[in-house]
Amino acid sequence: MKSRTAAAMGSGKVEKKQKARQNPRNNRKPLGPKSDIPKSKSKKKKKTKNNNNHQNDTDPIETKNKTTVVTGNNSNNPRPPPATPRQQLSYFLSQFQSANGVQLSSLELESIKDSCILDVSQESGQDVMRLEKYIKEAFGAKWKEELCEGKLIEGKTEAGSPAVLVVATSALRSIELLRGMRSCTKECRAVKLFSKHMKIDEQVSLLKNRVNIASGTPSRIKKLIDIEALGLSRLSLILLDIHTDVKGYSLLTLPQVRDEFWDLYKNYFHQQVVQGDLRICLYGPIPNGNEFKVKSLELADG
C-alpha cells in the first residue's frame, strides 16, 4: 500500500512538473492560419512597389511634366507691359511731390506734356549698350552735331555745357552708363562728374572745353553748377538711372542720394521741364509695374 501511495504521489509530482513545463508553450500566441503569411509578404511587396514609384518621380519624363506646369502658371501671370510715357510722368511727378512736400498747381501740370518723357521702357534691362539708339533718336537729324562734334563753335556752343546729362547713384554706375554712349564720345570725351578719385579742380578744368555728354552723381553735379563750372545752356536731356542696387535702392529711393537729387532737380531742372525745354529719360523699370499709388494728376495730353 505504501509503495502504491508513494508511486501515486510520485506520479503526481511528475504530472505537475509536466504541466508546469507545458504552460509556457500554451501561453504563446498562435501564428495563425497559413493564409496570413502570403498577406504579410504581399504587404512587403506593396511597400517595395511604392518605393519604386517614389523613385520614378525623379525620372526625366516626370520632371519635364513638373516644369511644364510651372511654365503654365507663369503664362497665366504674364509680365506686365512697360509703363507708358504718361504713366512714367505720373510716377515721376508723384515722387517729386512726395519727396518735396509740395503740390503742383494745375497750371504746372497742364504745362508738363507727356512728350517730355523719352521713352526707353522697352530697354528697362541692364543692357546699357542699347541706350545710344534712343538718345540719337531724341536729337533727330542733328544727333551728330549735338553729340559727336568736338570743337567749340563761337556763339553757338558754350564750354562746359553738355547736351545730355546722366545722373546716377554712384561713380561706378555713372561710368557704366557712359559705356552705352561710347561711339558718340570718340571725338568729344564725356566728362565724369563724381567725387570718387576725382578732384573738383580737375573737373573744372575739363569743363572749360566742349562737352556733349556728362555723367555723375547729384551732389557733385549740383556743386559744379553752383560754382558756374557746369553750364546748362545746351542741356536737352537728363537721363535718370532708376535701376535698383543689390539692397533694392535707386536714385529716387536711396535716402541721402534721393534728397540730393531732388534738391538738384528742384533748383535747376524743374522749371526747364515745365517750359518744355528739357526732356527726362527714366532708365529702369518703374516700381510695381503699372500700379501707381498716385492721387489724380490732371496731366495734359502729350
Protein backbone atom coordinates (compact mmCIF):
# COMPACT_ATOMS: atom_id res chain seq x y z
CA MET A 1 0.00 0.00 0.00
CA LYS A 2 2.69 2.39 0.98
CA SER A 3 4.55 1.68 -2.20
CA ARG A 4 1.44 2.34 -4.30
CA THR A 5 0.76 5.52 -2.44
CA ALA A 6 4.33 6.63 -2.93
CA ALA A 7 4.15 5.76 -6.56
CA ALA A 8 0.95 7.69 -6.93
CA MET A 9 2.38 10.65 -5.17
CA GLY A 10 5.49 10.42 -7.33
CA SER A 11 3.43 10.33 -10.49
CA GLY A 12 1.50 13.35 -9.32
CA LYS A 13 4.70 15.32 -8.95
CA VAL A 14 5.74 14.31 -12.44
CA GLU A 15 2.41 15.40 -13.84
CA LYS A 16 2.73 18.74 -12.09
CA LYS A 17 6.16 19.23 -13.48
CA GLN A 18 4.95 18.35 -16.96
CA LYS A 19 2.06 20.74 -16.58
CA ALA A 20 4.45 23.41 -15.44
CA ARG A 21 6.57 22.83 -18.47
CA GLN A 22 3.60 22.82 -20.80
CA ASN A 23 2.11 26.10 -19.55
CA PRO A 24 4.62 28.48 -21.23
CA ARG A 25 4.01 26.75 -24.53
CA ASN A 26 0.29 27.10 -24.15
CA ASN A 27 0.65 30.83 -23.37
CA ARG A 28 2.42 31.55 -26.67
CA LYS A 29 0.35 33.33 -29.33
CA PRO A 30 -0.57 31.17 -32.24
CA LEU A 31 0.93 32.03 -35.59
CA GLY A 32 -2.48 31.94 -37.14
CA PRO A 33 -3.55 30.28 -40.30
CA LYS A 34 -1.08 29.78 -43.08
CA SER A 35 -3.08 32.08 -45.31
CA ASP A 36 -1.85 35.04 -43.23
CA ILE A 37 1.70 34.51 -44.33
CA PRO A 38 1.15 35.44 -48.00
CA LYS A 39 -0.64 38.57 -46.86
CA SER A 40 2.38 39.76 -44.92
CA LYS A 41 4.55 39.04 -47.94
CA SER A 42 2.15 40.86 -50.19
CA LYS A 43 2.40 43.90 -47.92
CA LYS A 44 6.13 43.85 -48.25
CA LYS A 45 5.76 43.65 -51.99
CA LYS A 46 3.42 46.64 -51.96
CA LYS A 47 5.92 48.63 -49.97
CA THR A 48 8.59 47.73 -52.45
CA LYS A 49 6.28 48.75 -55.26
CA ASN A 50 5.60 52.07 -53.59
CA ASN A 51 9.31 52.64 -53.20
CA ASN A 52 9.73 52.02 -56.89
CA ASN A 53 7.00 54.56 -57.65
CA HIS A 54 8.76 57.08 -55.46
CA GLN A 55 11.97 56.55 -57.37
CA ASN A 56 10.16 57.10 -60.65
CA ASP A 57 9.27 60.68 -59.56
CA THR A 58 12.79 61.72 -60.43
CA ASP A 59 12.68 60.34 -63.95
CA PRO A 60 13.24 62.86 -66.76
CA ILE A 61 9.67 62.43 -68.02
CA GLU A 62 8.13 63.27 -64.65
CA THR A 63 10.49 66.21 -64.15
CA LYS A 64 9.57 67.53 -67.57
CA ASN A 65 5.88 67.42 -66.69
CA LYS A 66 6.51 69.36 -63.49
CA THR A 67 8.47 72.02 -65.34
CA THR A 68 5.66 72.35 -67.85
CA VAL A 69 3.20 73.02 -65.05
CA VAL A 70 5.37 75.79 -63.62
CA THR A 71 5.74 77.35 -67.03
CA GLY A 72 2.00 77.20 -67.46
CA ASN A 73 1.50 79.11 -64.22
CA ASN A 74 3.88 81.80 -65.42
CA SER A 75 1.90 82.14 -68.63
CA ASN A 76 -1.23 82.67 -66.57
CA ASN A 77 0.53 85.58 -64.84
CA PRO A 78 2.33 87.32 -67.72
CA ARG A 79 4.83 90.08 -67.10
CA PRO A 80 3.05 93.45 -67.05
CA PRO A 81 3.63 95.64 -70.11
CA PRO A 82 6.12 98.53 -69.86
CA ALA A 83 4.83 101.78 -68.43
CA THR A 84 3.62 104.31 -70.98
CA PRO A 85 5.11 107.83 -71.11
CA ARG A 86 2.01 109.13 -69.28
CA GLN A 87 2.45 106.57 -66.51
CA GLN A 88 6.16 107.33 -66.25
CA LEU A 89 5.43 111.03 -65.96
CA SER A 90 2.74 110.42 -63.33
CA TYR A 91 5.15 108.30 -61.32
CA PHE A 92 7.96 110.87 -61.56
CA LEU A 93 5.75 113.81 -60.58
CA SER A 94 4.25 111.90 -57.67
CA GLN A 95 7.76 111.14 -56.41
CA PHE A 96 8.69 114.80 -56.79
CA GLN A 97 5.67 115.99 -54.82
CA SER A 98 6.08 113.37 -52.11
CA ALA A 99 9.81 113.97 -51.59
CA ASN A 100 9.49 117.77 -51.50
CA GLY A 101 6.19 118.02 -49.66
CA VAL A 102 4.66 120.17 -52.41
CA GLN A 103 1.54 120.06 -54.52
CA LEU A 104 1.98 121.13 -58.12
CA SER A 105 -0.58 123.62 -59.34
CA SER A 106 -2.96 122.77 -62.16
CA LEU A 107 -1.15 125.30 -64.38
CA GLU A 108 2.17 123.50 -63.86
CA LEU A 109 0.59 120.10 -64.51
CA GLU A 110 -1.03 121.34 -67.70
CA SER A 111 2.32 122.67 -68.89
CA ILE A 112 4.12 119.34 -68.45
CA LYS A 113 3.37 117.24 -71.52
CA ASP A 114 3.84 113.52 -71.96
CA SER A 115 6.30 114.35 -74.73
CA CYS A 116 8.82 115.49 -72.11
CA ILE A 117 9.45 111.79 -71.39
CA LEU A 118 11.97 110.00 -73.60
CA ASP A 119 10.53 106.51 -73.56
CA VAL A 120 13.11 103.74 -73.20
CA SER A 121 10.78 101.42 -71.26
CA GLN A 122 11.39 98.66 -73.80
CA GLU A 123 15.04 98.66 -72.65
CA SER A 124 14.41 98.52 -68.91
CA GLY A 125 17.07 95.80 -68.54
CA GLN A 126 20.74 96.32 -67.77
CA ASP A 127 21.99 96.39 -71.39
CA VAL A 128 23.39 99.92 -71.48
CA MET A 129 24.72 99.40 -75.00
CA ARG A 130 21.21 99.90 -76.37
CA LEU A 131 20.80 103.34 -74.80
CA GLU A 132 22.66 105.14 -77.55
CA LYS A 133 19.99 104.30 -80.11
CA TYR A 134 17.27 106.13 -78.17
CA ILE A 135 19.46 109.12 -77.37
CA LYS A 136 20.32 109.59 -81.04
CA GLU A 137 16.63 109.41 -81.94
CA ALA A 138 15.87 112.10 -79.35
CA PHE A 139 18.11 114.54 -81.22
CA GLY A 140 16.82 113.61 -84.65
CA ALA A 141 18.85 114.61 -87.69
CA LYS A 142 21.16 116.81 -85.58
CA TRP A 143 22.45 113.99 -83.38
CA LYS A 144 25.95 114.02 -84.89
CA GLU A 145 26.27 117.75 -84.47
CA GLU A 146 24.96 117.73 -80.90
CA LEU A 147 26.52 114.52 -79.60
CA CYS A 148 29.71 113.89 -81.58
CA GLU A 149 31.18 117.25 -82.63
CA GLY A 150 34.31 118.03 -80.62
CA LYS A 151 35.02 121.68 -81.50
CA LEU A 152 33.62 124.76 -79.83
CA ILE A 153 31.57 126.93 -82.13
CA GLU A 154 31.70 130.57 -81.08
CA GLY A 155 28.30 131.99 -80.32
CA LYS A 156 26.63 128.58 -80.60
CA THR A 157 28.18 126.17 -78.13
CA GLU A 158 29.15 127.11 -74.62
CA ALA A 159 32.13 125.41 -72.97
CA GLY A 160 31.21 123.01 -70.20
CA SER A 161 27.56 122.80 -71.24
CA PRO A 162 26.52 119.24 -72.12
CA ALA A 163 23.55 118.26 -74.28
CA VAL A 164 23.00 115.05 -72.27
CA LEU A 165 23.43 114.73 -68.52
CA VAL A 166 23.33 111.30 -66.87
CA VAL A 167 22.51 111.19 -63.15
CA ALA A 168 23.27 108.02 -61.18
CA THR A 169 23.63 106.89 -57.57
CA SER A 170 27.36 106.14 -57.68
CA ALA A 171 30.59 106.72 -59.57
CA LEU A 172 30.71 103.11 -60.72
CA ARG A 173 27.21 103.29 -62.16
CA SER A 174 27.99 106.62 -63.84
CA ILE A 175 30.92 105.05 -65.67
CA GLU A 176 28.90 102.00 -66.64
CA LEU A 177 26.18 104.13 -68.24
CA LEU A 178 28.75 106.05 -70.26
CA ARG A 179 29.79 102.78 -71.93
CA GLY A 180 26.44 102.80 -73.70
CA MET A 181 27.37 106.03 -75.49
CA ARG A 182 30.94 105.20 -76.41
CA SER A 183 30.58 105.76 -80.15
CA CYS A 184 29.41 109.34 -79.51
CA THR A 185 32.37 110.21 -77.30
CA LYS A 186 35.29 109.43 -79.61
CA GLU A 187 35.89 113.00 -80.74
CA CYS A 188 34.44 114.69 -77.69
CA ARG A 189 35.09 112.79 -74.49
CA ALA A 190 32.40 112.52 -71.85
CA VAL A 191 33.10 114.22 -68.54
CA LYS A 192 32.78 112.29 -65.28
CA LEU A 193 31.16 114.33 -62.55
CA PHE A 194 31.55 112.49 -59.26
CA SER A 195 33.79 112.89 -56.22
CA LYS A 196 35.39 109.42 -56.06
CA HIS A 197 39.06 109.65 -57.11
CA MET A 198 38.39 112.98 -58.84
CA LYS A 199 39.15 116.44 -57.53
CA ILE A 200 36.76 119.24 -58.29
CA ASP A 201 39.58 121.39 -59.73
CA GLU A 202 40.29 118.67 -62.29
CA GLN A 203 36.65 118.62 -63.34
CA VAL A 204 36.52 122.41 -63.58
CA SER A 205 39.49 122.24 -65.96
CA LEU A 206 37.77 119.62 -68.13
CA LEU A 207 34.59 121.70 -68.30
CA LYS A 208 36.48 124.56 -69.96
CA ASN A 209 36.26 122.58 -73.19
CA ARG A 210 33.32 121.45 -75.26
CA VAL A 211 31.23 118.82 -73.50
CA ASN A 212 28.42 116.92 -75.18
CA ILE A 213 27.78 114.18 -72.63
CA ALA A 214 28.43 114.18 -68.88
CA SER A 215 27.66 111.65 -66.18
CA GLY A 216 27.83 111.85 -62.43
CA THR A 217 26.20 111.91 -59.02
CA PRO A 218 23.69 114.54 -57.81
CA SER A 219 25.88 116.18 -55.16
CA ARG A 220 28.90 116.79 -57.39
CA ILE A 221 26.76 117.90 -60.35
CA LYS A 222 24.99 120.49 -58.19
CA LYS A 223 28.26 121.74 -56.74
CA LEU A 224 29.72 122.29 -60.22
CA ILE A 225 26.59 124.16 -61.31
CA ASP A 226 26.70 126.26 -58.16
CA ILE A 227 30.25 127.43 -58.92
CA GLU A 228 29.24 128.01 -62.58
CA ALA A 229 31.71 125.45 -63.93
CA LEU A 230 28.95 123.28 -65.39
CA GLY A 231 26.62 125.09 -67.77
CA LEU A 232 23.03 124.25 -68.72
CA SER A 233 22.55 126.33 -71.87
CA ARG A 234 22.69 123.30 -74.20
CA LEU A 235 21.07 120.76 -71.91
CA SER A 236 18.29 118.93 -73.72
CA LEU A 237 18.06 115.60 -71.92
CA ILE A 238 18.62 114.28 -68.40
CA LEU A 239 18.91 110.53 -68.11
CA LEU A 240 17.97 109.31 -64.63
CA ASP A 241 19.18 105.83 -63.73
CA ILE A 242 16.40 104.35 -61.58
CA HIS A 243 17.68 100.76 -61.57
CA THR A 244 17.83 99.33 -58.07
CA ASP A 245 21.04 98.16 -56.43
CA VAL A 246 21.58 94.91 -54.51
CA LYS A 247 19.76 96.33 -51.48
CA GLY A 248 16.79 97.49 -53.57
CA TYR A 249 17.61 101.22 -53.54
CA SER A 250 17.58 103.54 -56.54
CA LEU A 251 18.26 107.18 -57.36
CA LEU A 252 14.74 108.07 -56.19
CA THR A 253 14.71 105.92 -53.04
CA LEU A 254 18.23 105.86 -51.55
CA PRO A 255 17.76 108.33 -48.65
CA GLN A 256 20.75 110.70 -48.90
CA VAL A 257 21.17 110.48 -52.68
CA ARG A 258 17.42 110.93 -53.17
CA ASP A 259 17.45 114.20 -51.21
CA GLU A 260 20.47 115.45 -53.14
CA PHE A 261 18.84 114.61 -56.45
CA TRP A 262 15.56 116.38 -55.70
CA ASP A 263 17.48 119.40 -54.47
CA LEU A 264 19.32 119.44 -57.81
CA TYR A 265 16.15 118.89 -59.84
CA LYS A 266 14.09 121.47 -57.99
CA ASN A 267 16.70 124.20 -58.30
CA TYR A 268 17.95 123.65 -61.85
CA PHE A 269 15.78 121.30 -63.90
CA HIS A 270 12.12 121.52 -62.95
CA GLN A 271 11.47 124.90 -64.47
CA GLN A 272 13.03 123.83 -67.75
CA VAL A 273 10.78 120.76 -67.79
CA VAL A 274 7.70 122.93 -67.18
CA GLN A 275 8.74 125.23 -70.03
CA GLY A 276 9.22 122.27 -72.37
CA ASP A 277 12.94 122.88 -72.85
CA LEU A 278 14.16 119.73 -71.12
CA ARG A 279 13.24 116.08 -71.53
CA ILE A 280 13.51 113.31 -68.92
CA CYS A 281 14.57 109.72 -69.55
CA LEU A 282 13.70 107.27 -66.76
CA TYR A 283 16.12 104.42 -67.41
CA GLY A 284 14.91 101.39 -65.48
CA PRO A 285 11.70 99.60 -64.51
CA ILE A 286 9.02 101.62 -62.77
CA PRO A 287 8.42 100.09 -59.29
CA ASN A 288 5.36 97.80 -59.03
CA GLY A 289 4.90 97.73 -62.79
CA ASN A 290 1.97 99.88 -63.87
CA GLU A 291 0.31 100.07 -60.45
CA PHE A 292 0.77 103.64 -59.31
CA LYS A 293 -0.37 104.82 -55.90
CA VAL A 294 -0.85 108.32 -57.19
CA LYS A 295 -3.56 110.84 -56.49
CA SER A 296 -5.34 112.05 -59.58
CA LEU A 297 -2.86 114.09 -61.57
CA GLU A 298 -4.57 116.08 -64.29
CA LEU A 299 -1.92 115.82 -66.94
CA ALA A 300 -2.41 117.43 -70.29
CA ASP A 301 -2.41 115.23 -73.36
CA GLY A 302 1.03 114.93 -74.97
